[in-house]
């Protein structure tokens, strides 16, 4: 069974990627030399740590099986293994892109990630 990984991205940046047909990464990705992704178990913590209080975001679901061998799982926050893509994201690997709104409590409201 294919694994789904996730990218949190400002909507404007993602719309630019859609127009180009590929996503080269957010500024932090470009600075680090790879595109940061999270697993379903990691993405809520990623949102809280790196995107707290930010609106205008999208949650992008990616089919890991459609990614090249340049996807590596590497030790990051708290010793956990996070998916990192060394190269651009081909939009053919994207399953969906959905809004990631802020709730009344100031936390992001996630869609169901089990479907």
PDB file of N, CA and C in Angstrom:
ATOM      1  N   UNK A   1       0.844  -1.189   0.000  1.00  0.00           N
ATOM      2  CA  UNK A   1       0.000   0.000   0.000  1.00  0.00           C
ATOM      3  C   UNK A   1       0.888   1.251   0.000  1.00  0.00           C
ATOM      4  N   UNK A   2       0.542   2.174  -0.856  1.00  0.00           N
ATOM      5  CA  UNK A   2       1.330   3.402  -0.966  1.00  0.00           C
ATOM      6  C   UNK A   2       1.158   4.257   0.278  1.00  0.00           C
ATOM      7  N   UNK A   3       2.218   4.924   0.653  1.00  0.00           N
ATOM      8  CA  UNK A   3       2.207   5.806   1.808  1.00  0.00           C
ATOM      9  C   UNK A   3       1.999   7.246   1.336  1.00  0.00           C
ATOM     10  N   UNK A   4       1.191   7.977   2.088  1.00  0.00           N
ATOM     11  CA  UNK A   4       0.963   9.382   1.789  1.00  0.00           C
ATOM     12  C   UNK A   4       1.797  10.214   2.745  1.00  0.00           C
ATOM     13  N   UNK A   5       2.508  11.203   2.198  1.00  0.00           N
ATOM     14  CA  UNK A   5       3.243  12.169   3.001  1.00  0.00           C
ATOM     15  C   UNK A   5       2.669  13.548   2.705  1.00  0.00           C
ATOM     16  N   UNK A   6       3.008  14.520   3.536  1.00  0.00           N
ATOM     17  CA  UNK A   6       2.334  15.811   3.485  1.00  0.00           C
ATOM     18  C   UNK A   6       3.316  16.975   3.471  1.00  0.00           C
ATOM     19  N   UNK A   7       2.887  18.040   2.794  1.00  0.00           N
ATOM     20  CA  UNK A   7       3.616  19.305   2.750  1.00  0.00           C
ATOM     21  C   UNK A   7       2.641  20.414   3.119  1.00  0.00           C
ATOM     22  N   UNK A   8       3.037  21.271   4.043  1.00  0.00           N
ATOM     23  CA  UNK A   8       2.269  22.468   4.360  1.00  0.00           C
ATOM     24  C   UNK A   8       2.906  23.605   3.570  1.00  0.00           C
ATOM     25  N   UNK A   9       2.068  24.340   2.854  1.00  0.00           N
ATOM     26  CA  UNK A   9       2.605  25.337   1.922  1.00  0.00           C
ATOM     27  C   UNK A   9       1.688  26.558   1.855  1.00  0.00           C
ATOM     28  N   UNK A  10       2.256  27.759   1.834  1.00  0.00           N
ATOM     29  CA  UNK A  10       1.429  28.941   1.592  1.00  0.00           C
ATOM     30  C   UNK A  10       0.715  28.813   0.241  1.00  0.00           C
ATOM     31  N   UNK A  11      -0.549  29.175   0.219  1.00  0.00           N
ATOM     32  CA  UNK A  11      -1.355  29.016  -0.984  1.00  0.00           C
ATOM     33  C   UNK A  11      -0.747  29.724  -2.189  1.00  0.00           C
ATOM     34  N   UNK A  12      -0.255  30.939  -2.031  1.00  0.00           N
ATOM     35  CA  UNK A  12       0.320  31.684  -3.157  1.00  0.00           C
ATOM     36  C   UNK A  12       1.515  30.952  -3.759  1.00  0.00           C
ATOM     37  N   UNK A  13       2.366  30.405  -2.904  1.00  0.00           N
ATOM     38  CA  UNK A  13       3.542  29.672  -3.374  1.00  0.00           C
ATOM     39  C   UNK A  13       3.126  28.408  -4.123  1.00  0.00           C
ATOM     40  N   UNK A  14       2.084  27.738  -3.628  1.00  0.00           N
ATOM     41  CA  UNK A  14       1.613  26.518  -4.287  1.00  0.00           C
ATOM     42  C   UNK A  14       0.989  26.841  -5.647  1.00  0.00           C
ATOM     43  N   UNK A  15       0.256  27.931  -5.735  1.00  0.00           N
ATOM     44  CA  UNK A  15      -0.356  28.320  -7.021  1.00  0.00           C
ATOM     45  C   UNK A  15       0.731  28.617  -8.057  1.00  0.00           C
ATOM     46  N   UNK A  16       1.846  29.208  -7.635  1.00  0.00           N
ATOM     47  CA  UNK A  16       2.981  29.431  -8.536  1.00  0.00           C
ATOM     48  C   UNK A  16       3.543  28.096  -9.023  1.00  0.00           C
ATOM     49  N   UNK A  17       3.634  27.133  -8.119  1.00  0.00           N
ATOM     50  CA  UNK A  17       4.140  25.804  -8.486  1.00  0.00           C
ATOM     51  C   UNK A  17       3.201  25.140  -9.490  1.00  0.00           C
ATOM     52  N   UNK A  18       1.908  25.263  -9.276  1.00  0.00           N
ATOM     53  CA  UNK A  18       0.948  24.675 -10.217  1.00  0.00           C
ATOM     54  C   UNK A  18       1.109  25.288 -11.607  1.00  0.00           C
ATOM     55  N   UNK A  19       1.345  26.588 -11.660  1.00  0.00           N
ATOM     56  CA  UNK A  19       1.541  27.258 -12.951  1.00  0.00           C
ATOM     57  C   UNK A  19       2.809  26.761 -13.649  1.00  0.00           C
ATOM     58  N   UNK A  20       3.859  26.440 -12.871  1.00  0.00           N
ATOM     59  CA  UNK A  20       5.128  25.936 -13.427  1.00  0.00           C
ATOM     60  C   UNK A  20       5.088  24.441 -13.705  1.00  0.00           C
ATOM     61  N   UNK A  21       4.207  23.721 -13.019  1.00  0.00           N
ATOM     62  CA  UNK A  21       4.135  22.281 -13.188  1.00  0.00           C
ATOM     63  C   UNK A  21       5.058  21.502 -12.268  1.00  0.00           C
ATOM     64  N   UNK A  22       5.706  22.204 -11.331  1.00  0.00           N
ATOM     65  CA  UNK A  22       6.559  21.530 -10.343  1.00  0.00           C
ATOM     66  C   UNK A  22       6.771  22.466  -9.157  1.00  0.00           C
ATOM     67  N   UNK A  23       7.086  21.872  -8.036  1.00  0.00           N
ATOM     68  CA  UNK A  23       7.320  22.636  -6.806  1.00  0.00           C
ATOM     69  C   UNK A  23       8.790  22.496  -6.452  1.00  0.00           C
ATOM     70  N   UNK A  24       9.490  23.629  -6.428  1.00  0.00           N
ATOM     71  CA  UNK A  24      10.917  23.631  -6.111  1.00  0.00           C
ATOM     72  C   UNK A  24      11.177  23.800  -4.619  1.00  0.00           C
ATOM     73  N   UNK A  25      10.131  24.091  -3.867  1.00  0.00           N
ATOM     74  CA  UNK A  25      10.282  24.231  -2.429  1.00  0.00           C
ATOM     75  C   UNK A  25       9.996  25.638  -1.950  1.00  0.00           C
ATOM     76  N   UNK A  26       9.693  25.729  -0.669  1.00  0.00           N
ATOM     77  CA  UNK A  26       9.541  27.010   0.006  1.00  0.00           C
ATOM     78  C   UNK A  26      10.941  27.545   0.312  1.00  0.00           C
ATOM     79  N   UNK A  27      11.058  28.804   0.710  1.00  0.00           N
ATOM     80  CA  UNK A  27      12.393  29.343   1.017  1.00  0.00           C
ATOM     81  C   UNK A  27      13.200  28.480   1.996  1.00  0.00           C
ATOM     82  N   UNK A  28      12.566  27.934   3.020  1.00  0.00           N
ATOM     83  CA  UNK A  28      13.304  27.084   3.971  1.00  0.00           C
ATOM     84  C   UNK A  28      13.813  25.813   3.291  1.00  0.00           C
ATOM     85  N   UNK A  29      13.021  25.263   2.371  1.00  0.00           N
ATOM     86  CA  UNK A  29      13.443  24.060   1.645  1.00  0.00           C
ATOM     87  C   UNK A  29      14.667  24.367   0.777  1.00  0.00           C
ATOM     88  N   UNK A  30      14.586  25.473   0.067  1.00  0.00           N
ATOM     89  CA  UNK A  30      15.691  25.859  -0.818  1.00  0.00           C
ATOM     90  C   UNK A  30      16.962  26.098  -0.002  1.00  0.00           C
ATOM     91  N   UNK A  31      16.814  26.757   1.145  1.00  0.00           N
ATOM     92  CA  UNK A  31      17.975  27.014   2.012  1.00  0.00           C
ATOM     93  C   UNK A  31      18.574  25.719   2.546  1.00  0.00           C
ATOM     94  N   UNK A  32      17.726  24.734   2.861  1.00  0.00           N
ATOM     95  CA  UNK A  32      18.209  23.468   3.429  1.00  0.00           C
ATOM     96  C   UNK A  32      18.663  22.469   2.368  1.00  0.00           C
ATOM     97  N   UNK A  33      18.304  22.704   1.106  1.00  0.00           N
ATOM     98  CA  UNK A  33      18.741  21.819   0.026  1.00  0.00           C
ATOM     99  C   UNK A  33      17.829  20.635  -0.226  1.00  0.00           C
ATOM    100  N   UNK A  34      16.663  20.626   0.390  1.00  0.00           N
ATOM    101  CA  UNK A  34      15.687  19.560   0.167  1.00  0.00           C
ATOM    102  C   UNK A  34      14.308  20.061   0.573  1.00  0.00           C
ATOM    103  N   UNK A  35      13.269  19.388   0.044  1.00  0.00           N
ATOM    104  CA  UNK A  35      11.897  19.740   0.394  1.00  0.00           C
ATOM    105  C   UNK A  35      11.495  18.938   1.626  1.00  0.00           C
ATOM    106  N   UNK A  36      11.051  19.655   2.647  1.00  0.00           N
ATOM    107  CA  UNK A  36      10.595  19.036   3.901  1.00  0.00           C
ATOM    108  C   UNK A  36       9.178  18.497   3.742  1.00  0.00           C
ATOM    109  N   UNK A  37       8.972  17.262   4.150  1.00  0.00           N
ATOM    110  CA  UNK A  37       7.644  16.661   4.213  1.00  0.00           C
ATOM    111  C   UNK A  37       7.442  16.110   5.617  1.00  0.00           C
ATOM    112  N   UNK A  38       6.208  15.740   5.908  1.00  0.00           N
ATOM    113  CA  UNK A  38       5.874  15.091   7.174  1.00  0.00           C
ATOM    114  C   UNK A  38       4.979  13.898   6.892  1.00  0.00           C
ATOM    115  N   UNK A  39       5.030  12.914   7.773  1.00  0.00           N
ATOM    116  CA  UNK A  39       4.093  11.804   7.704  1.00  0.00           C
ATOM    117  C   UNK A  39       2.784  12.250   8.366  1.00  0.00           C
ATOM    118  N   UNK A  40       1.754  11.436   8.254  1.00  0.00           N
ATOM    119  CA  UNK A  40       0.471  11.757   8.888  1.00  0.00           C
ATOM    120  C   UNK A  40       0.637  11.927  10.395  1.00  0.00           C
ATOM    121  N   UNK A  41       1.501  11.145  11.004  1.00  0.00           N
ATOM    122  CA  UNK A  41       1.727  11.231  12.450  1.00  0.00           C
ATOM    123  C   UNK A  41       2.506  12.479  12.852  1.00  0.00           C
ATOM    124  N   UNK A  42       3.215  13.094  11.923  1.00  0.00           N
ATOM    125  CA  UNK A  42       4.089  14.237  12.221  1.00  0.00           C
ATOM    126  C   UNK A  42       3.509  15.590  11.827  1.00  0.00           C
ATOM    127  N   UNK A  43       2.545  15.615  10.902  1.00  0.00           N
ATOM    128  CA  UNK A  43       2.171  16.873  10.256  1.00  0.00           C
ATOM    129  C   UNK A  43       1.493  17.871  11.197  1.00  0.00           C
ATOM    130  N   UNK A  44       0.743  17.409  12.176  1.00  0.00           N
ATOM    131  CA  UNK A  44       0.112  18.353  13.108  1.00  0.00           C
ATOM    132  C   UNK A  44       1.166  19.064  13.956  1.00  0.00           C
ATOM    133  N   UNK A  45       2.164  18.332  14.400  1.00  0.00           N
ATOM    134  CA  UNK A  45       3.246  18.943  15.171  1.00  0.00           C
ATOM    135  C   UNK A  45       4.048  19.910  14.289  1.00  0.00           C
ATOM    136  N   UNK A  46       4.249  19.542  13.035  1.00  0.00           N
ATOM    137  CA  UNK A  46       4.936  20.438  12.104  1.00  0.00           C
ATOM    138  C   UNK A  46       4.165  21.750  11.965  1.00  0.00           C
ATOM    139  N   UNK A  47       2.861  21.664  11.826  1.00  0.00           N
ATOM    140  CA  UNK A  47       2.034  22.873  11.708  1.00  0.00           C
ATOM    141  C   UNK A  47       2.166  23.737  12.957  1.00  0.00           C
ATOM    142  N   UNK A  48       2.103  23.114  14.130  1.00  0.00           N
ATOM    143  CA  UNK A  48       2.183  23.866  15.388  1.00  0.00           C
ATOM    144  C   UNK A  48       3.559  24.500  15.573  1.00  0.00           C
ATOM    145  N   UNK A  49       4.608  23.792  15.169  1.00  0.00           N
ATOM    146  CA  UNK A  49       5.971  24.274  15.396  1.00  0.00           C
ATOM    147  C   UNK A  49       6.413  25.321  14.377  1.00  0.00           C
ATOM    148  N   UNK A  50       6.082  25.108  13.109  1.00  0.00           N
ATOM    149  CA  UNK A  50       6.626  25.952  12.044  1.00  0.00           C
ATOM    150  C   UNK A  50       5.614  26.898  11.385  1.00  0.00           C
ATOM    151  N   UNK A  51       4.312  26.688  11.636  1.00  0.00           N
ATOM    152  CA  UNK A  51       3.287  27.491  10.962  1.00  0.00           C
ATOM    153  C   UNK A  51       2.256  28.052  11.939  1.00  0.00           C
ATOM    154  N   UNK A  52       2.593  28.129  13.208  1.00  0.00           N
ATOM    155  CA  UNK A  52       1.650  28.594  14.235  1.00  0.00           C
ATOM    156  C   UNK A  52       1.066  29.951  13.869  1.00  0.00           C
ATOM    157  N   UNK A  53      -0.256  30.025  13.900  1.00  0.00           N
ATOM    158  CA  UNK A  53      -0.946  31.283  13.667  1.00  0.00           C
ATOM    159  C   UNK A  53      -1.008  31.739  12.221  1.00  0.00           C
ATOM    160  N   UNK A  54      -0.428  30.975  11.301  1.00  0.00           N
ATOM    161  CA  UNK A  54      -0.402  31.383   9.889  1.00  0.00           C
ATOM    162  C   UNK A  54      -1.672  30.932   9.178  1.00  0.00           C
ATOM    163  N   UNK A  55      -2.253  31.854   8.424  1.00  0.00           N
ATOM    164  CA  UNK A  55      -3.411  31.522   7.598  1.00  0.00           C
ATOM    165  C   UNK A  55      -2.967  31.472   6.142  1.00  0.00           C
ATOM    166  N   UNK A  56      -3.892  31.131   5.258  1.00  0.00           N
ATOM    167  CA  UNK A  56      -3.571  31.079   3.835  1.00  0.00           C
ATOM    168  C   UNK A  56      -2.705  29.897   3.454  1.00  0.00           C
ATOM    169  N   UNK A  57      -2.802  28.818   4.227  1.00  0.00           N
ATOM    170  CA  UNK A  57      -1.981  27.633   3.970  1.00  0.00           C
ATOM    171  C   UNK A  57      -2.787  26.537   3.285  1.00  0.00           C
ATOM    172  N   UNK A  58      -2.070  25.686   2.580  1.00  0.00           N
ATOM    173  CA  UNK A  58      -2.641  24.471   2.013  1.00  0.00           C
ATOM    174  C   UNK A  58      -1.913  23.271   2.596  1.00  0.00           C
ATOM    175  N   UNK A  59      -2.643  22.179   2.724  1.00  0.00           N
ATOM    176  CA  UNK A  59      -2.047  20.893   3.063  1.00  0.00           C
ATOM    177  C   UNK A  59      -2.036  20.084   1.777  1.00  0.00           C
ATOM    178  N   UNK A  60      -0.843  19.670   1.373  1.00  0.00           N
ATOM    179  CA  UNK A  60      -0.659  18.938   0.121  1.00  0.00           C
ATOM    180  C   UNK A  60      -0.382  17.478   0.465  1.00  0.00           C
ATOM    181  N   UNK A  61      -1.169  16.572  -0.112  1.00  0.00           N
ATOM    182  CA  UNK A  61      -0.964  15.136   0.075  1.00  0.00           C
ATOM    183  C   UNK A  61      -0.213  14.594  -1.130  1.00  0.00           C
ATOM    184  N   UNK A  62       0.849  13.840  -0.864  1.00  0.00           N
ATOM    185  CA  UNK A  62       1.720  13.323  -1.926  1.00  0.00           C
ATOM    186  C   UNK A  62       1.813  11.812  -1.818  1.00  0.00           C
ATOM    187  N   UNK A  63       1.691  11.133  -2.948  1.00  0.00           N
ATOM    188  CA  UNK A  63       1.855   9.688  -3.012  1.00  0.00           C
ATOM    189  C   UNK A  63       3.352   9.387  -3.065  1.00  0.00           C
ATOM    190  N   UNK A  64       3.861   8.864  -1.964  1.00  0.00           N
ATOM    191  CA  UNK A  64       5.293   8.584  -1.869  1.00  0.00           C
ATOM    192  C   UNK A  64       5.781   7.663  -2.987  1.00  0.00           C
ATOM    193  N   UNK A  65       4.930   6.733  -3.430  1.00  0.00           N
ATOM    194  CA  UNK A  65       5.322   5.775  -4.465  1.00  0.00           C
ATOM    195  C   UNK A  65       5.602   6.462  -5.804  1.00  0.00           C
ATOM    196  N   UNK A  66       5.095   7.677  -6.001  1.00  0.00           N
ATOM    197  CA  UNK A  66       5.306   8.399  -7.256  1.00  0.00           C
ATOM    198  C   UNK A  66       6.538   9.299  -7.208  1.00  0.00           C
ATOM    199  N   UNK A  67       7.257   9.261  -6.110  1.00  0.00           N
ATOM    200  CA  UNK A  67       8.446  10.111  -5.970  1.00  0.00           C
ATOM    201  C   UNK A  67       9.701   9.352  -6.381  1.00  0.00           C
ATOM    202  N   UNK A  68      10.717  10.081  -6.812  1.00  0.00           N
ATOM    203  CA  UNK A  68      11.964   9.436  -7.223  1.00  0.00           C
ATOM    204  C   UNK A  68      12.769   8.930  -6.023  1.00  0.00           C
ATOM    205  N   UNK A  69      13.831   8.238  -6.316  1.00  0.00           N
ATOM    206  CA  UNK A  69      14.707   7.690  -5.278  1.00  0.00           C
ATOM    207  C   UNK A  69      15.385   8.774  -4.455  1.00  0.00           C
ATOM    208  N   UNK A  70      15.260  10.021  -4.870  1.00  0.00           N
ATOM    209  CA  UNK A  70      15.875  11.115  -4.114  1.00  0.00           C
ATOM    210  C   UNK A  70      15.064  11.473  -2.866  1.00  0.00           C
ATOM    211  N   UNK A  71      13.977  10.726  -2.586  1.00  0.00           N
ATOM    212  CA  UNK A  71      13.253  10.874  -1.315  1.00  0.00           C
ATOM    213  C   UNK A  71      13.981  10.040  -0.270  1.00  0.00           C
ATOM    214  N   UNK A  72      14.392  10.690   0.792  1.00  0.00           N
ATOM    215  CA  UNK A  72      15.129  10.021   1.868  1.00  0.00           C
ATOM    216  C   UNK A  72      14.445  10.296   3.200  1.00  0.00           C
ATOM    217  N   UNK A  73      14.417   9.300   4.054  1.00  0.00           N
ATOM    218  CA  UNK A  73      13.958   9.493   5.429  1.00  0.00           C
ATOM    219  C   UNK A  73      15.184   9.752   6.283  1.00  0.00           C
ATOM    220  N   UNK A  74      15.187  10.916   6.941  1.00  0.00           N
ATOM    221  CA  UNK A  74      16.360  11.331   7.701  1.00  0.00           C
ATOM    222  C   UNK A  74      15.959  11.785   9.098  1.00  0.00           C
ATOM    223  N   UNK A  75      16.865  11.586  10.037  1.00  0.00           N
ATOM    224  CA  UNK A  75      16.634  11.966  11.426  1.00  0.00           C
ATOM    225  C   UNK A  75      16.494  13.474  11.540  1.00  0.00           C
ATOM    226  N   UNK A  76      15.465  13.890  12.244  1.00  0.00           N
ATOM    227  CA  UNK A  76      15.217  15.311  12.449  1.00  0.00           C
ATOM    228  C   UNK A  76      14.676  15.498  13.858  1.00  0.00           C
ATOM    229  N   UNK A  77      13.643  16.303  13.988  1.00  0.00           N
ATOM    230  CA  UNK A  77      13.067  16.685  15.270  1.00  0.00           C
ATOM    231  C   UNK A  77      12.876  15.477  16.202  1.00  0.00           C
ATOM    232  N   UNK A  78      13.484  15.547  17.359  1.00  0.00           N
ATOM    233  CA  UNK A  78      13.315  14.514  18.366  1.00  0.00           C
ATOM    234  C   UNK A  78      13.812  13.142  17.951  1.00  0.00           C
ATOM    235  N   UNK A  79      14.683  13.090  16.957  1.00  0.00           N
ATOM    236  CA  UNK A  79      15.218  11.810  16.503  1.00  0.00           C
ATOM    237  C   UNK A  79      14.300  11.067  15.548  1.00  0.00           C
ATOM    238  N   UNK A  80      13.136  11.643  15.221  1.00  0.00           N
ATOM    239  CA  UNK A  80      12.196  10.988  14.304  1.00  0.00           C
ATOM    240  C   UNK A  80      12.713  11.062  12.871  1.00  0.00           C
ATOM    241  N   UNK A  81      12.305  10.108  12.067  1.00  0.00           N
ATOM    242  CA  UNK A  81      12.666  10.087  10.657  1.00  0.00           C
ATOM    243  C   UNK A  81      11.618  10.869   9.867  1.00  0.00           C
ATOM    244  N   UNK A  82      12.083  11.899   9.157  1.00  0.00           N
ATOM    245  CA  UNK A  82      11.203  12.728   8.337  1.00  0.00           C
ATOM    246  C   UNK A  82      11.547  12.533   6.868  1.00  0.00           C
ATOM    247  N   UNK A  83      10.529  12.561   5.979  1.00  0.00           N
ATOM    248  CA  UNK A  83      10.799  12.454   4.545  1.00  0.00           C
ATOM    249  C   UNK A  83      11.321  13.771   3.977  1.00  0.00           C
ATOM    250  N   UNK A  84      12.422  13.681   3.243  1.00  0.00           N
ATOM    251  CA  UNK A  84      13.054  14.828   2.588  1.00  0.00           C
ATOM    252  C   UNK A  84      13.262  14.478   1.122  1.00  0.00           C
ATOM    253  N   UNK A  85      12.862  15.388   0.233  1.00  0.00           N
ATOM    254  CA  UNK A  85      13.036  15.167  -1.202  1.00  0.00           C
ATOM    255  C   UNK A  85      14.150  16.064  -1.720  1.00  0.00           C
ATOM    256  N   UNK A  86      15.176  15.436  -2.259  1.00  0.00           N
ATOM    257  CA  UNK A  86      16.314  16.157  -2.824  1.00  0.00           C
ATOM    258  C   UNK A  86      16.067  16.380  -4.310  1.00  0.00           C
ATOM    259  N   UNK A  87      15.380  17.453  -4.613  1.00  0.00           N
ATOM    260  CA  UNK A  87      15.020  17.789  -5.980  1.00  0.00           C
ATOM    261  C   UNK A  87      13.599  18.313  -6.004  1.00  0.00           C
ATOM    262  N   UNK A  88      13.133  18.738  -7.185  1.00  0.00           N
ATOM    263  CA  UNK A  88      11.791  19.296  -7.276  1.00  0.00           C
ATOM    264  C   UNK A  88      10.711  18.226  -7.107  1.00  0.00           C
ATOM    265  N   UNK A  89       9.557  18.672  -6.664  1.00  0.00           N
ATOM    266  CA  UNK A  89       8.392  17.800  -6.544  1.00  0.00           C
ATOM    267  C   UNK A  89       7.608  17.864  -7.855  1.00  0.00           C
ATOM    268  N   UNK A  90       7.525  16.736  -8.536  1.00  0.00           N
ATOM    269  CA  UNK A  90       6.707  16.626  -9.740  1.00  0.00           C
ATOM    270  C   UNK A  90       5.247  16.605  -9.288  1.00  0.00           C
ATOM    271  N   UNK A  91       4.441  17.507  -9.807  1.00  0.00           N
ATOM    272  CA  UNK A  91       3.058  17.614  -9.355  1.00  0.00           C
ATOM    273  C   UNK A  91       2.216  16.389  -9.702  1.00  0.00           C
ATOM    274  N   UNK A  92       2.722  15.506 -10.545  1.00  0.00           N
ATOM    275  CA  UNK A  92       2.018  14.249 -10.834  1.00  0.00           C
ATOM    276  C   UNK A  92       1.935  13.360  -9.592  1.00  0.00           C
ATOM    277  N   UNK A  93       2.784  13.611  -8.605  1.00  0.00           N
ATOM    278  CA  UNK A  93       2.771  12.819  -7.363  1.00  0.00           C
ATOM    279  C   UNK A  93       1.736  13.334  -6.358  1.00  0.00           C
ATOM    280  N   UNK A  94       1.131  14.484  -6.643  1.00  0.00           N
ATOM    281  CA  UNK A  94       0.183  15.094  -5.703  1.00  0.00           C
ATOM    282  C   UNK A  94      -1.169  14.404  -5.807  1.00  0.00           C
ATOM    283  N   UNK A  95      -1.691  14.010  -4.647  1.00  0.00           N
ATOM    284  CA  UNK A  95      -3.017  13.382  -4.572  1.00  0.00           C
ATOM    285  C   UNK A  95      -4.089  14.459  -4.465  1.00  0.00           C
ATOM    286  N   UNK A  96      -3.864  15.407  -3.571  1.00  0.00           N
ATOM    287  CA  UNK A  96      -4.781  16.539  -3.390  1.00  0.00           C
ATOM    288  C   UNK A  96      -4.087  17.668  -2.666  1.00  0.00           C
ATOM    289  N   UNK A  97      -4.716  18.849  -2.770  1.00  0.00           N
ATOM    290  CA  UNK A  97      -4.287  20.044  -2.040  1.00  0.00           C
ATOM    291  C   UNK A  97      -5.545  20.647  -1.432  1.00  0.00           C
ATOM    292  N   UNK A  98      -5.562  20.769  -0.103  1.00  0.00           N
ATOM    293  CA  UNK A  98      -6.751  21.265   0.596  1.00  0.00           C
ATOM    294  C   UNK A  98      -6.373  22.410   1.527  1.00  0.00           C
ATOM    295  N   UNK A  99      -7.316  23.330   1.747  1.00  0.00           N
ATOM    296  CA  UNK A  99      -7.057  24.427   2.681  1.00  0.00           C
ATOM    297  C   UNK A  99      -6.750  23.897   4.079  1.00  0.00           C
ATOM    298  N   UNK A 100      -5.888  24.608   4.775  1.00  0.00           N
ATOM    299  CA  UNK A 100      -5.527  24.277   6.161  1.00  0.00           C
ATOM    300  C   UNK A 100      -5.859  25.509   7.017  1.00  0.00           C
ATOM    301  N   UNK A 101      -7.160  25.690   7.302  1.00  0.00           N
ATOM    302  CA  UNK A 101      -7.588  26.913   7.992  1.00  0.00           C
ATOM    303  C   UNK A 101      -7.248  26.887   9.477  1.00  0.00           C
ATOM    304  N   UNK A 102      -7.245  28.084  10.038  1.00  0.00           N
ATOM    305  CA  UNK A 102      -7.091  28.229  11.482  1.00  0.00           C
ATOM    306  C   UNK A 102      -8.466  28.127  12.123  1.00  0.00           C
ATOM    307  N   UNK A 103      -8.540  27.375  13.209  1.00  0.00           N
ATOM    308  CA  UNK A 103      -9.780  27.280  13.964  1.00  0.00           C
ATOM    309  C   UNK A 103      -9.892  28.427  14.951  1.00  0.00           C
ATOM    310  N   UNK A 104     -11.030  28.478  15.630  1.00  0.00           N
ATOM    311  CA  UNK A 104     -11.270  29.526  16.627  1.00  0.00           C
ATOM    312  C   UNK A 104     -10.235  29.477  17.747  1.00  0.00           C
ATOM    313  N   UNK A 105      -9.654  28.299  17.975  1.00  0.00           N
ATOM    314  CA  UNK A 105      -8.647  28.135  19.028  1.00  0.00           C
ATOM    315  C   UNK A 105      -7.242  28.520  18.560  1.00  0.00           C
ATOM    316  N   UNK A 106      -7.125  28.959  17.293  1.00  0.00           N
ATOM    317  CA  UNK A 106      -5.830  29.362  16.757  1.00  0.00           C
ATOM    318  C   UNK A 106      -4.997  28.216  16.210  1.00  0.00           C
ATOM    319  N   UNK A 107      -5.518  26.996  16.286  1.00  0.00           N
ATOM    320  CA  UNK A 107      -4.818  25.827  15.750  1.00  0.00           C
ATOM    321  C   UNK A 107      -5.367  25.492  14.370  1.00  0.00           C
ATOM    322  N   UNK A 108      -4.539  24.880  13.552  1.00  0.00           N
ATOM    323  CA  UNK A 108      -4.976  24.502  12.213  1.00  0.00           C
ATOM    324  C   UNK A 108      -5.967  23.342  12.282  1.00  0.00           C
ATOM    325  N   UNK A 109      -6.960  23.415  11.404  1.00  0.00           N
ATOM    326  CA  UNK A 109      -7.979  22.370  11.311  1.00  0.00           C
ATOM    327  C   UNK A 109      -7.626  21.456  10.143  1.00  0.00           C
ATOM    328  N   UNK A 110      -7.278  20.218  10.464  1.00  0.00           N
ATOM    329  CA  UNK A 110      -6.833  19.257   9.463  1.00  0.00           C
ATOM    330  C   UNK A 110      -7.989  18.444   8.900  1.00  0.00           C
ATOM    331  N   UNK A 111      -7.923  18.126   7.613  1.00  0.00           N
ATOM    332  CA  UNK A 111      -8.886  17.171   7.048  1.00  0.00           C
ATOM    333  C   UNK A 111      -8.550  15.776   7.594  1.00  0.00           C
ATOM    334  N   UNK A 112      -9.437  14.828   7.319  1.00  0.00           N
ATOM    335  CA  UNK A 112      -9.204  13.451   7.717  1.00  0.00           C
ATOM    336  C   UNK A 112      -8.006  12.905   6.925  1.00  0.00           C
ATOM    337  N   UNK A 113      -6.980  12.462   7.635  1.00  0.00           N
ATOM    338  CA  UNK A 113      -5.786  11.945   6.978  1.00  0.00           C
ATOM    339  C   UNK A 113      -5.794  10.430   6.852  1.00  0.00           C
ATOM    340  N   UNK A 114      -6.869   9.799   7.304  1.00  0.00           N
ATOM    341  CA  UNK A 114      -6.940   8.329   7.224  1.00  0.00           C
ATOM    342  C   UNK A 114      -7.568   7.866   5.923  1.00  0.00           C
ATOM    343  N   UNK A 115      -8.212   8.778   5.211  1.00  0.00           N
ATOM    344  CA  UNK A 115      -8.917   8.390   3.967  1.00  0.00           C
ATOM    345  C   UNK A 115      -7.958   8.314   2.806  1.00  0.00           C
TER     346      UNK A 115
END
